[in-house]
């Protein structure tokens, strides 16, 4: 990337805080969602939720955005820089809260809103080799293995084809490790989310708008100072996560060594007892007495 400010792009997590809430910049978010969900997404408006209020003291931990698309569906976008071991449960809590929050008391269950949970995580979440994961709800027969389908009436009424389309869907973008050459629109987005750079060859929906509207030189002096503080916080946070991981690994190694030593000591004592029992048995000492002296069972001594 050129060091000149006029060629530099603002990182997505910061843009979420400041710029992408502007209706004029919805096309950037629409591009990401269209690329991810595989269908044209139009954002109707941004909503407020109890679960997406940003703490004024929270410098870098979470950035939530709640959008309503043109079909009345809810899209919760969360950027998470902080390593959080219970993040899967947090995703569940967020979608469940939205489902109940956005239905009026007395309305029928057919008014429950479809929720998409898009999670852009800058840490190692779970154990897997891919960088984009999709989760949805299906009901599969435990005997026949078939997937439970909607009736024709339900399909027509709810305007969906599968049961899973009625339930929240989750997307996890593990962007930290992606530095390879982008070969698809989704990979182009992942590359930008990770590096803050948009290659000139990128053609994914929304990236051209991001390239034009999220330029670093569009910031005021104060905004620029705050942005660089944000970048510093991210570096500090990642260093802390790395340090915690290394300390945890070191503690694990030490604990393993201690367990190994204890096990070795235990096995050494047992081997010594077995040898003593053999010798006592050869001398004709009664098995009861050998058992009391060595702590071995009568059965073990008889097998010697």
C-alpha atoms as a PDB file:
ATOM      1  CA  UNK A   1       0.000   0.000   0.000  1.00  0.00           C
ATOM      2  CA  UNK A   2       1.205   3.497  -0.822  1.00  0.00           C
ATOM      3  CA  UNK A   3       2.112   5.465   2.286  1.00  0.00           C
ATOM      4  CA  UNK A   4       0.342   8.548   0.966  1.00  0.00           C
ATOM      5  CA  UNK A   5      -2.874   9.199   2.882  1.00  0.00           C
ATOM      6  CA  UNK A   6      -4.893   9.711  -0.299  1.00  0.00           C
ATOM      7  CA  UNK A   7      -4.376   6.039  -1.206  1.00  0.00           C
ATOM      8  CA  UNK A   8      -4.991   4.607   2.253  1.00  0.00           C
ATOM      9  CA  UNK A   9      -8.310   3.071   3.258  1.00  0.00           C
ATOM     10  CA  UNK A  10      -9.849   3.294   6.725  1.00  0.00           C
ATOM     11  CA  UNK A  11     -10.087  -0.043   8.520  1.00  0.00           C
ATOM     12  CA  UNK A  12     -13.561  -1.571   8.467  1.00  0.00           C
ATOM     13  CA  UNK A  13     -13.968  -1.785  12.259  1.00  0.00           C
ATOM     14  CA  UNK A  14     -13.343   1.942  12.598  1.00  0.00           C
ATOM     15  CA  UNK A  15     -15.569   2.727   9.628  1.00  0.00           C
ATOM     16  CA  UNK A  16     -18.353   0.788  11.366  1.00  0.00           C
ATOM     17  CA  UNK A  17     -18.073   3.128  14.351  1.00  0.00           C
ATOM     18  CA  UNK A  18     -18.170   6.342  12.363  1.00  0.00           C
ATOM     19  CA  UNK A  19     -18.772   6.253   8.619  1.00  0.00           C
ATOM     20  CA  UNK A  20     -20.924   3.274   7.688  1.00  0.00           C
ATOM     21  CA  UNK A  21     -23.791   4.502   9.858  1.00  0.00           C
ATOM     22  CA  UNK A  22     -24.285   7.228   7.276  1.00  0.00           C
ATOM     23  CA  UNK A  23     -27.021   6.295   4.793  1.00  0.00           C
ATOM     24  CA  UNK A  24     -24.835   7.574   1.951  1.00  0.00           C
ATOM     25  CA  UNK A  25     -22.363   4.779   2.758  1.00  0.00           C
ATOM     26  CA  UNK A  26     -24.849   1.928   3.083  1.00  0.00           C
ATOM     27  CA  UNK A  27     -23.617   0.584  -0.267  1.00  0.00           C
ATOM     28  CA  UNK A  28     -20.379  -0.546   1.407  1.00  0.00           C
ATOM     29  CA  UNK A  29     -22.265  -2.665   3.946  1.00  0.00           C
ATOM     30  CA  UNK A  30     -24.682  -3.839   1.275  1.00  0.00           C
ATOM     31  CA  UNK A  31     -21.721  -5.026  -0.765  1.00  0.00           C
ATOM     32  CA  UNK A  32     -20.327  -7.080   2.114  1.00  0.00           C
ATOM     33  CA  UNK A  33     -23.711  -8.647   2.901  1.00  0.00           C
ATOM     34  CA  UNK A  34     -24.500  -9.324  -0.757  1.00  0.00           C
ATOM     35  CA  UNK A  35     -21.136 -11.048  -1.192  1.00  0.00           C
ATOM     36  CA  UNK A  36     -21.546 -13.069   2.007  1.00  0.00           C
ATOM     37  CA  UNK A  37     -25.208 -14.078   1.752  1.00  0.00           C
ATOM     38  CA  UNK A  38     -25.161 -14.709  -1.985  1.00  0.00           C
ATOM     39  CA  UNK A  39     -28.175 -12.508  -2.748  1.00  0.00           C
ATOM     40  CA  UNK A  40     -28.737  -8.832  -3.378  1.00  0.00           C
ATOM     41  CA  UNK A  41     -29.086  -7.079  -0.015  1.00  0.00           C
ATOM     42  CA  UNK A  42     -30.534  -3.583   0.289  1.00  0.00           C
ATOM     43  CA  UNK A  43     -30.347  -1.907   3.700  1.00  0.00           C
ATOM     44  CA  UNK A  44     -33.545  -0.059   4.495  1.00  0.00           C
ATOM     45  CA  UNK A  45     -32.387   1.527   7.735  1.00  0.00           C
ATOM     46  CA  UNK A  46     -30.223   1.082  10.818  1.00  0.00           C
ATOM     47  CA  UNK A  47     -31.960   0.183  14.051  1.00  0.00           C
ATOM     48  CA  UNK A  48     -31.083   0.480  17.693  1.00  0.00           C
ATOM     49  CA  UNK A  49     -31.100  -2.491  20.007  1.00  0.00           C
ATOM     50  CA  UNK A  50     -30.370  -2.932  23.687  1.00  0.00           C
ATOM     51  CA  UNK A  51     -27.714  -5.424  22.590  1.00  0.00           C
ATOM     52  CA  UNK A  52     -25.870  -3.076  20.245  1.00  0.00           C
ATOM     53  CA  UNK A  53     -25.348  -0.065  22.481  1.00  0.00           C
ATOM     54  CA  UNK A  54     -21.694   0.925  22.500  1.00  0.00           C
ATOM     55  CA  UNK A  55     -20.114   1.612  25.871  1.00  0.00           C
ATOM     56  CA  UNK A  56     -18.438   5.035  25.853  1.00  0.00           C
ATOM     57  CA  UNK A  57     -15.531   3.543  27.790  1.00  0.00           C
ATOM     58  CA  UNK A  58     -15.107   0.657  25.355  1.00  0.00           C
ATOM     59  CA  UNK A  59     -12.191   1.583  23.116  1.00  0.00           C
ATOM     60  CA  UNK A  60     -11.913  -1.453  20.917  1.00  0.00           C
ATOM     61  CA  UNK A  61     -13.785  -4.397  22.333  1.00  0.00           C
ATOM     62  CA  UNK A  62     -16.986  -4.465  20.311  1.00  0.00           C
ATOM     63  CA  UNK A  63     -18.719  -2.665  17.470  1.00  0.00           C
ATOM     64  CA  UNK A  64     -22.280  -3.718  16.742  1.00  0.00           C
ATOM     65  CA  UNK A  65     -24.526  -2.547  13.960  1.00  0.00           C
ATOM     66  CA  UNK A  66     -28.128  -3.604  13.483  1.00  0.00           C
ATOM     67  CA  UNK A  67     -29.663  -3.173  10.044  1.00  0.00           C
ATOM     68  CA  UNK A  68     -33.044  -3.918   8.516  1.00  0.00           C
ATOM     69  CA  UNK A  69     -32.995  -5.006   4.890  1.00  0.00           C
ATOM     70  CA  UNK A  70     -35.640  -4.380   2.257  1.00  0.00           C
ATOM     71  CA  UNK A  71     -37.355  -7.690   3.119  1.00  0.00           C
ATOM     72  CA  UNK A  72     -37.803  -6.685   6.767  1.00  0.00           C
ATOM     73  CA  UNK A  73     -35.091  -9.073   7.961  1.00  0.00           C
ATOM     74  CA  UNK A  74     -32.658  -8.116  10.731  1.00  0.00           C
ATOM     75  CA  UNK A  75     -28.900  -8.196  10.201  1.00  0.00           C
ATOM     76  CA  UNK A  76     -26.661  -7.916  13.255  1.00  0.00           C
ATOM     77  CA  UNK A  77     -23.061  -7.159  12.310  1.00  0.00           C
ATOM     78  CA  UNK A  78     -20.505  -7.446  15.065  1.00  0.00           C
ATOM     79  CA  UNK A  79     -16.784  -6.756  14.886  1.00  0.00           C
ATOM     80  CA  UNK A  80     -14.903  -8.343  17.752  1.00  0.00           C
ATOM     81  CA  UNK A  81     -11.231  -7.646  18.407  1.00  0.00           C
ATOM     82  CA  UNK A  82     -11.076  -9.100  21.892  1.00  0.00           C
ATOM     83  CA  UNK A  83     -10.523 -12.816  22.469  1.00  0.00           C
ATOM     84  CA  UNK A  84     -13.665 -14.088  24.183  1.00  0.00           C
ATOM     85  CA  UNK A  85     -13.901 -17.759  25.126  1.00  0.00           C
ATOM     86  CA  UNK A  86     -17.736 -17.752  25.358  1.00  0.00           C
ATOM     87  CA  UNK A  87     -18.243 -15.936  22.063  1.00  0.00           C
ATOM     88  CA  UNK A  88     -20.425 -18.722  20.601  1.00  0.00           C
ATOM     89  CA  UNK A  89     -22.893 -18.287  23.472  1.00  0.00           C
ATOM     90  CA  UNK A  90     -22.721 -14.530  23.011  1.00  0.00           C
ATOM     91  CA  UNK A  91     -23.803 -14.948  19.373  1.00  0.00           C
ATOM     92  CA  UNK A  92     -26.755 -17.062  20.503  1.00  0.00           C
ATOM     93  CA  UNK A  93     -27.728 -14.499  23.124  1.00  0.00           C
ATOM     94  CA  UNK A  94     -27.593 -11.656  20.584  1.00  0.00           C
ATOM     95  CA  UNK A  95     -29.877 -13.324  18.046  1.00  0.00           C
ATOM     96  CA  UNK A  96     -32.290 -14.617  20.685  1.00  0.00           C
ATOM     97  CA  UNK A  97     -32.589 -11.143  22.170  1.00  0.00           C
ATOM     98  CA  UNK A  98     -33.315  -9.620  18.765  1.00  0.00           C
ATOM     99  CA  UNK A  99     -36.009 -12.178  18.000  1.00  0.00           C
ATOM    100  CA  UNK A 100     -37.889 -11.282  21.179  1.00  0.00           C
ATOM    101  CA  UNK A 101     -37.079  -7.584  21.065  1.00  0.00           C
ATOM    102  CA  UNK A 102     -38.546  -7.051  17.612  1.00  0.00           C
ATOM    103  CA  UNK A 103     -41.927  -8.672  18.006  1.00  0.00           C
ATOM    104  CA  UNK A 104     -44.793  -6.751  19.523  1.00  0.00           C
ATOM    105  CA  UNK A 105     -46.698  -8.212  22.459  1.00  0.00           C
ATOM    106  CA  UNK A 106     -49.747 -10.084  21.233  1.00  0.00           C
ATOM    107  CA  UNK A 107     -48.418 -10.670  17.707  1.00  0.00           C
ATOM    108  CA  UNK A 108     -48.485 -14.198  16.329  1.00  0.00           C
ATOM    109  CA  UNK A 109     -45.364 -16.285  15.903  1.00  0.00           C
ATOM    110  CA  UNK A 110     -45.598 -15.772  12.153  1.00  0.00           C
ATOM    111  CA  UNK A 111     -44.379 -12.212  12.823  1.00  0.00           C
ATOM    112  CA  UNK A 112     -41.012 -13.396  14.183  1.00  0.00           C
ATOM    113  CA  UNK A 113     -38.281 -11.662  12.198  1.00  0.00           C
ATOM    114  CA  UNK A 114     -35.550 -13.486  10.323  1.00  0.00           C
ATOM    115  CA  UNK A 115     -32.141 -12.671  11.853  1.00  0.00           C
ATOM    116  CA  UNK A 116     -28.703 -12.886  10.276  1.00  0.00           C
ATOM    117  CA  UNK A 117     -25.767 -12.695  12.679  1.00  0.00           C
ATOM    118  CA  UNK A 118     -22.562 -11.634  10.912  1.00  0.00           C
ATOM    119  CA  UNK A 119     -19.509 -11.890  13.155  1.00  0.00           C
ATOM    120  CA  UNK A 120     -16.158 -10.493  12.038  1.00  0.00           C
ATOM    121  CA  UNK A 121     -13.671 -11.815  14.569  1.00  0.00           C
ATOM    122  CA  UNK A 122     -10.030 -10.770  14.808  1.00  0.00           C
ATOM    123  CA  UNK A 123      -8.971 -13.684  17.001  1.00  0.00           C
ATOM    124  CA  UNK A 124      -8.872 -17.465  16.847  1.00  0.00           C
ATOM    125  CA  UNK A 125     -12.437 -18.590  17.520  1.00  0.00           C
ATOM    126  CA  UNK A 126     -12.866 -22.319  17.974  1.00  0.00           C
ATOM    127  CA  UNK A 127     -10.792 -24.917  16.146  1.00  0.00           C
ATOM    128  CA  UNK A 128     -11.085 -25.052  12.360  1.00  0.00           C
ATOM    129  CA  UNK A 129      -9.126 -24.569   9.156  1.00  0.00           C
ATOM    130  CA  UNK A 130     -11.506 -22.345   7.164  1.00  0.00           C
ATOM    131  CA  UNK A 131     -11.837 -18.578   7.484  1.00  0.00           C
ATOM    132  CA  UNK A 132     -15.596 -18.276   6.819  1.00  0.00           C
ATOM    133  CA  UNK A 133     -18.196 -20.443   8.568  1.00  0.00           C
ATOM    134  CA  UNK A 134     -21.985 -20.565   8.127  1.00  0.00           C
ATOM    135  CA  UNK A 135     -24.414 -21.978  10.684  1.00  0.00           C
ATOM    136  CA  UNK A 136     -28.125 -22.667  10.224  1.00  0.00           C
ATOM    137  CA  UNK A 137     -30.859 -24.764  11.839  1.00  0.00           C
ATOM    138  CA  UNK A 138     -32.101 -27.949  10.181  1.00  0.00           C
ATOM    139  CA  UNK A 139     -34.218 -30.784  11.562  1.00  0.00           C
ATOM    140  CA  UNK A 140     -32.936 -34.176  10.477  1.00  0.00           C
ATOM    141  CA  UNK A 141     -34.693 -37.487  11.102  1.00  0.00           C
ATOM    142  CA  UNK A 142     -32.782 -39.655  13.559  1.00  0.00           C
ATOM    143  CA  UNK A 143     -33.945 -42.855  11.813  1.00  0.00           C
ATOM    144  CA  UNK A 144     -34.298 -41.986   8.134  1.00  0.00           C
ATOM    145  CA  UNK A 145     -31.819 -39.107   7.987  1.00  0.00           C
ATOM    146  CA  UNK A 146     -34.275 -36.966   6.010  1.00  0.00           C
ATOM    147  CA  UNK A 147     -34.544 -33.183   6.492  1.00  0.00           C
ATOM    148  CA  UNK A 148     -37.897 -31.917   7.736  1.00  0.00           C
ATOM    149  CA  UNK A 149     -39.511 -29.777   5.037  1.00  0.00           C
ATOM    150  CA  UNK A 150     -42.205 -27.100   4.978  1.00  0.00           C
ATOM    151  CA  UNK A 151     -45.640 -27.857   3.600  1.00  0.00           C
ATOM    152  CA  UNK A 152     -46.612 -26.139   0.327  1.00  0.00           C
ATOM    153  CA  UNK A 153     -48.975 -23.899   2.333  1.00  0.00           C
ATOM    154  CA  UNK A 154     -46.183 -22.858   4.711  1.00  0.00           C
ATOM    155  CA  UNK A 155     -43.843 -22.134   1.803  1.00  0.00           C
ATOM    156  CA  UNK A 156     -46.462 -19.922   0.188  1.00  0.00           C
ATOM    157  CA  UNK A 157     -47.424 -18.183   3.445  1.00  0.00           C
ATOM    158  CA  UNK A 158     -43.905 -17.529   4.751  1.00  0.00           C
ATOM    159  CA  UNK A 159     -42.347 -17.022   1.290  1.00  0.00           C
ATOM    160  CA  UNK A 160     -39.407 -19.327   2.032  1.00  0.00           C
ATOM    161  CA  UNK A 161     -38.373 -22.733   0.711  1.00  0.00           C
ATOM    162  CA  UNK A 162     -36.828 -24.395   3.773  1.00  0.00           C
ATOM    163  CA  UNK A 163     -37.325 -24.528   7.538  1.00  0.00           C
ATOM    164  CA  UNK A 164     -33.789 -23.208   8.059  1.00  0.00           C
ATOM    165  CA  UNK A 165     -34.767 -19.932   6.374  1.00  0.00           C
ATOM    166  CA  UNK A 166     -37.136 -19.206   9.255  1.00  0.00           C
ATOM    167  CA  UNK A 167     -34.386 -19.491  11.878  1.00  0.00           C
ATOM    168  CA  UNK A 168     -31.433 -17.226  12.659  1.00  0.00           C
ATOM    169  CA  UNK A 169     -28.363 -17.840  10.526  1.00  0.00           C
ATOM    170  CA  UNK A 170     -24.822 -17.224  11.668  1.00  0.00           C
ATOM    171  CA  UNK A 171     -21.757 -16.212   9.711  1.00  0.00           C
ATOM    172  CA  UNK A 172     -18.307 -16.173  11.270  1.00  0.00           C
ATOM    173  CA  UNK A 173     -15.505 -14.428   9.376  1.00  0.00           C
ATOM    174  CA  UNK A 174     -12.165 -15.323  10.958  1.00  0.00           C
ATOM    175  CA  UNK A 175     -10.172 -12.678   9.161  1.00  0.00           C
ATOM    176  CA  UNK A 176      -6.913 -12.514  11.104  1.00  0.00           C
ATOM    177  CA  UNK A 177      -5.031 -15.241   9.292  1.00  0.00           C
ATOM    178  CA  UNK A 178      -5.988 -14.252   5.747  1.00  0.00           C
ATOM    179  CA  UNK A 179      -3.073 -12.684   3.874  1.00  0.00           C
ATOM    180  CA  UNK A 180      -3.142 -14.744   0.692  1.00  0.00           C
ATOM    181  CA  UNK A 181      -3.996 -13.580  -2.805  1.00  0.00           C
ATOM    182  CA  UNK A 182      -7.765 -13.112  -3.029  1.00  0.00           C
ATOM    183  CA  UNK A 183      -9.315 -15.272  -5.747  1.00  0.00           C
ATOM    184  CA  UNK A 184     -13.028 -14.645  -5.123  1.00  0.00           C
ATOM    185  CA  UNK A 185     -15.212 -11.662  -4.151  1.00  0.00           C
ATOM    186  CA  UNK A 186     -15.571 -13.015  -0.612  1.00  0.00           C
ATOM    187  CA  UNK A 187     -11.795 -13.449  -0.294  1.00  0.00           C
ATOM    188  CA  UNK A 188     -11.339  -9.851  -1.498  1.00  0.00           C
ATOM    189  CA  UNK A 189     -13.580  -8.716   1.341  1.00  0.00           C
ATOM    190  CA  UNK A 190     -11.767 -10.898   3.885  1.00  0.00           C
ATOM    191  CA  UNK A 191      -8.442  -9.464   2.719  1.00  0.00           C
ATOM    192  CA  UNK A 192      -9.704  -5.905   3.250  1.00  0.00           C
ATOM    193  CA  UNK A 193     -11.205  -6.755   6.656  1.00  0.00           C
ATOM    194  CA  UNK A 194      -7.855  -8.160   7.778  1.00  0.00           C
ATOM    195  CA  UNK A 195      -5.358  -5.744   6.235  1.00  0.00           C
ATOM    196  CA  UNK A 196      -7.326  -2.529   5.668  1.00  0.00           C
ATOM    197  CA  UNK A 197      -6.121  -2.646   2.054  1.00  0.00           C
ATOM    198  CA  UNK A 198      -8.158  -2.970  -1.137  1.00  0.00           C
ATOM    199  CA  UNK A 199      -6.155  -4.182  -4.157  1.00  0.00           C
ATOM    200  CA  UNK A 200      -6.745  -2.206  -7.350  1.00  0.00           C
ATOM    201  CA  UNK A 201      -7.930  -5.425  -9.010  1.00  0.00           C
ATOM    202  CA  UNK A 202     -10.715  -6.031  -6.451  1.00  0.00           C
ATOM    203  CA  UNK A 203     -14.208  -6.150  -7.982  1.00  0.00           C
ATOM    204  CA  UNK A 204     -16.362  -7.446  -5.090  1.00  0.00           C
ATOM    205  CA  UNK A 205     -19.582  -5.487  -4.449  1.00  0.00           C
ATOM    206  CA  UNK A 206     -19.020  -2.622  -2.027  1.00  0.00           C
ATOM    207  CA  UNK A 207     -15.242  -2.469  -2.285  1.00  0.00           C
ATOM    208  CA  UNK A 208     -15.194   0.183  -4.996  1.00  0.00           C
ATOM    209  CA  UNK A 209     -17.446   2.313  -2.791  1.00  0.00           C
ATOM    210  CA  UNK A 210     -15.183   1.624   0.198  1.00  0.00           C
ATOM    211  CA  UNK A 211     -12.157   2.642  -1.864  1.00  0.00           C
ATOM    212  CA  UNK A 212     -13.796   5.938  -2.757  1.00  0.00           C
ATOM    213  CA  UNK A 213     -15.605   6.811   0.480  1.00  0.00           C
ATOM    214  CA  UNK A 214     -13.328   5.448   3.179  1.00  0.00           C
ATOM    215  CA  UNK A 215     -10.156   7.292   2.285  1.00  0.00           C
ATOM    216  CA  UNK A 216      -7.907   8.248   5.136  1.00  0.00           C
ATOM    217  CA  UNK A 217      -7.514  11.784   3.821  1.00  0.00           C
ATOM    218  CA  UNK A 218     -11.262  12.370   4.281  1.00  0.00           C
ATOM    219  CA  UNK A 219     -10.728  12.506   8.056  1.00  0.00           C
ATOM    220  CA  UNK A 220     -10.299  15.649  10.082  1.00  0.00           C
ATOM    221  CA  UNK A 221      -7.158  16.083  12.175  1.00  0.00           C
ATOM    222  CA  UNK A 222      -9.006  15.062  15.366  1.00  0.00           C
ATOM    223  CA  UNK A 223     -10.587  12.039  13.678  1.00  0.00           C
ATOM    224  CA  UNK A 224      -7.201  10.992  12.351  1.00  0.00           C
ATOM    225  CA  UNK A 225      -5.669  11.207  15.830  1.00  0.00           C
ATOM    226  CA  UNK A 226      -8.512   9.105  17.264  1.00  0.00           C
ATOM    227  CA  UNK A 227      -8.119   6.606  14.413  1.00  0.00           C
ATOM    228  CA  UNK A 228      -4.409   6.120  15.093  1.00  0.00           C
ATOM    229  CA  UNK A 229      -5.162   5.668  18.798  1.00  0.00           C
ATOM    230  CA  UNK A 230      -7.601   2.957  17.755  1.00  0.00           C
ATOM    231  CA  UNK A 231      -4.886   1.233  15.688  1.00  0.00           C
ATOM    232  CA  UNK A 232      -2.519   1.426  18.668  1.00  0.00           C
ATOM    233  CA  UNK A 233      -5.186  -0.145  20.889  1.00  0.00           C
ATOM    234  CA  UNK A 234      -5.617  -2.981  18.392  1.00  0.00           C
ATOM    235  CA  UNK A 235      -1.867  -3.668  18.371  1.00  0.00           C
ATOM    236  CA  UNK A 236      -1.767  -3.626  22.189  1.00  0.00           C
ATOM    237  CA  UNK A 237      -4.789  -5.920  22.364  1.00  0.00           C
ATOM    238  CA  UNK A 238      -3.291  -8.437  19.936  1.00  0.00           C
ATOM    239  CA  UNK A 239      -0.014  -8.379  21.842  1.00  0.00           C
ATOM    240  CA  UNK A 240      -1.925  -9.081  25.060  1.00  0.00           C
ATOM    241  CA  UNK A 241      -3.804 -11.978  23.433  1.00  0.00           C
ATOM    242  CA  UNK A 242      -0.515 -13.397  22.114  1.00  0.00           C
ATOM    243  CA  UNK A 243       1.123 -13.009  25.527  1.00  0.00           C
ATOM    244  CA  UNK A 244      -1.821 -14.711  27.260  1.00  0.00           C
ATOM    245  CA  UNK A 245      -1.644 -17.551  24.746  1.00  0.00           C
ATOM    246  CA  UNK A 246       2.107 -17.987  25.243  1.00  0.00           C
ATOM    247  CA  UNK A 247       1.782 -17.813  29.020  1.00  0.00           C
ATOM    248  CA  UNK A 248      -1.006 -20.354  28.864  1.00  0.00           C
ATOM    249  CA  UNK A 249       1.151 -22.601  26.702  1.00  0.00           C
ATOM    250  CA  UNK A 250       4.091 -22.241  29.108  1.00  0.00           C
ATOM    251  CA  UNK A 251       1.847 -23.005  32.087  1.00  0.00           C
ATOM    252  CA  UNK A 252       0.506 -26.005  30.215  1.00  0.00           C
ATOM    253  CA  UNK A 253       4.018 -27.293  29.536  1.00  0.00           C
ATOM    254  CA  UNK A 254       5.009 -26.796  33.179  1.00  0.00           C
ATOM    255  CA  UNK A 255       1.845 -28.519  34.375  1.00  0.00           C
ATOM    256  CA  UNK A 256       2.506 -31.361  31.951  1.00  0.00           C
ATOM    257  CA  UNK A 257       6.067 -31.756  33.219  1.00  0.00           C
ATOM    258  CA  UNK A 258       4.881 -31.776  36.817  1.00  0.00           C
ATOM    259  CA  UNK A 259       2.248 -34.384  36.012  1.00  0.00           C
ATOM    260  CA  UNK A 260       4.851 -36.389  34.120  1.00  0.00           C
ATOM    261  CA  UNK A 261       7.257 -36.275  37.039  1.00  0.00           C
ATOM    262  CA  UNK A 262       4.516 -37.266  39.462  1.00  0.00           C
ATOM    263  CA  UNK A 263       3.439 -40.115  37.212  1.00  0.00           C
ATOM    264  CA  UNK A 264       7.054 -41.221  36.756  1.00  0.00           C
ATOM    265  CA  UNK A 265       7.593 -41.172  40.494  1.00  0.00           C
ATOM    266  CA  UNK A 266       4.413 -43.163  41.029  1.00  0.00           C
ATOM    267  CA  UNK A 267       5.434 -45.736  38.417  1.00  0.00           C
ATOM    268  CA  UNK A 268       8.921 -45.951  39.971  1.00  0.00           C
ATOM    269  CA  UNK A 269       7.460 -46.685  43.409  1.00  0.00           C
ATOM    270  CA  UNK A 270       5.178 -49.339  41.951  1.00  0.00           C
ATOM    271  CA  UNK A 271       8.064 -51.013  40.111  1.00  0.00           C
ATOM    272  CA  UNK A 272      10.092 -51.055  43.331  1.00  0.00           C
ATOM    273  CA  UNK A 273       7.150 -52.621  45.203  1.00  0.00           C
ATOM    274  CA  UNK A 274       6.793 -55.286  42.518  1.00  0.00           C
ATOM    275  CA  UNK A 275      10.496 -56.158  42.784  1.00  0.00           C
ATOM    276  CA  UNK A 276      10.285 -56.308  46.580  1.00  0.00           C
ATOM    277  CA  UNK A 277       7.210 -58.530  46.383  1.00  0.00           C
ATOM    278  CA  UNK A 278       8.972 -60.923  43.988  1.00  0.00           C
ATOM    279  CA  UNK A 279      11.946 -61.233  46.336  1.00  0.00           C
ATOM    280  CA  UNK A 280       9.764 -61.728  49.420  1.00  0.00           C
ATOM    281  CA  UNK A 281       7.692 -64.330  47.575  1.00  0.00           C
ATOM    282  CA  UNK A 282      10.870 -66.254  46.642  1.00  0.00           C
ATOM    283  CA  UNK A 283      11.827 -66.243  50.311  1.00  0.00           C
ATOM    284  CA  UNK A 284       8.477 -67.868  51.139  1.00  0.00           C
ATOM    285  CA  UNK A 285       6.974 -64.901  52.993  1.00  0.00           C
ATOM    286  CA  UNK A 286       3.191 -65.149  53.358  1.00  0.00           C
ATOM    287  CA  UNK A 287       1.184 -63.246  50.736  1.00  0.00           C
ATOM    288  CA  UNK A 288      -0.777 -61.339  53.420  1.00  0.00           C
ATOM    289  CA  UNK A 289       2.453 -59.986  54.876  1.00  0.00           C
ATOM    290  CA  UNK A 290       3.850 -59.116  51.393  1.00  0.00           C
ATOM    291  CA  UNK A 291       0.616 -57.243  50.658  1.00  0.00           C
ATOM    292  CA  UNK A 292       0.892 -55.216  53.870  1.00  0.00           C
ATOM    293  CA  UNK A 293       4.561 -54.426  53.182  1.00  0.00           C
ATOM    294  CA  UNK A 294       4.219 -53.381  49.533  1.00  0.00           C
ATOM    295  CA  UNK A 295       0.641 -52.152  49.233  1.00  0.00           C
ATOM    296  CA  UNK A 296       0.027 -54.580  46.341  1.00  0.00           C
ATOM    297  CA  UNK A 297      -3.138 -56.661  46.194  1.00  0.00           C
ATOM    298  CA  UNK A 298      -3.077 -60.395  46.816  1.00  0.00           C
ATOM    299  CA  UNK A 299      -4.076 -60.975  43.180  1.00  0.00           C
ATOM    300  CA  UNK A 300      -1.142 -58.937  41.906  1.00  0.00           C
ATOM    301  CA  UNK A 301       1.286 -60.797  44.173  1.00  0.00           C
ATOM    302  CA  UNK A 302      -0.067 -64.205  43.115  1.00  0.00           C
ATOM    303  CA  UNK A 303       0.611 -63.349  39.441  1.00  0.00           C
ATOM    304  CA  UNK A 304       4.285 -62.606  40.105  1.00  0.00           C
END
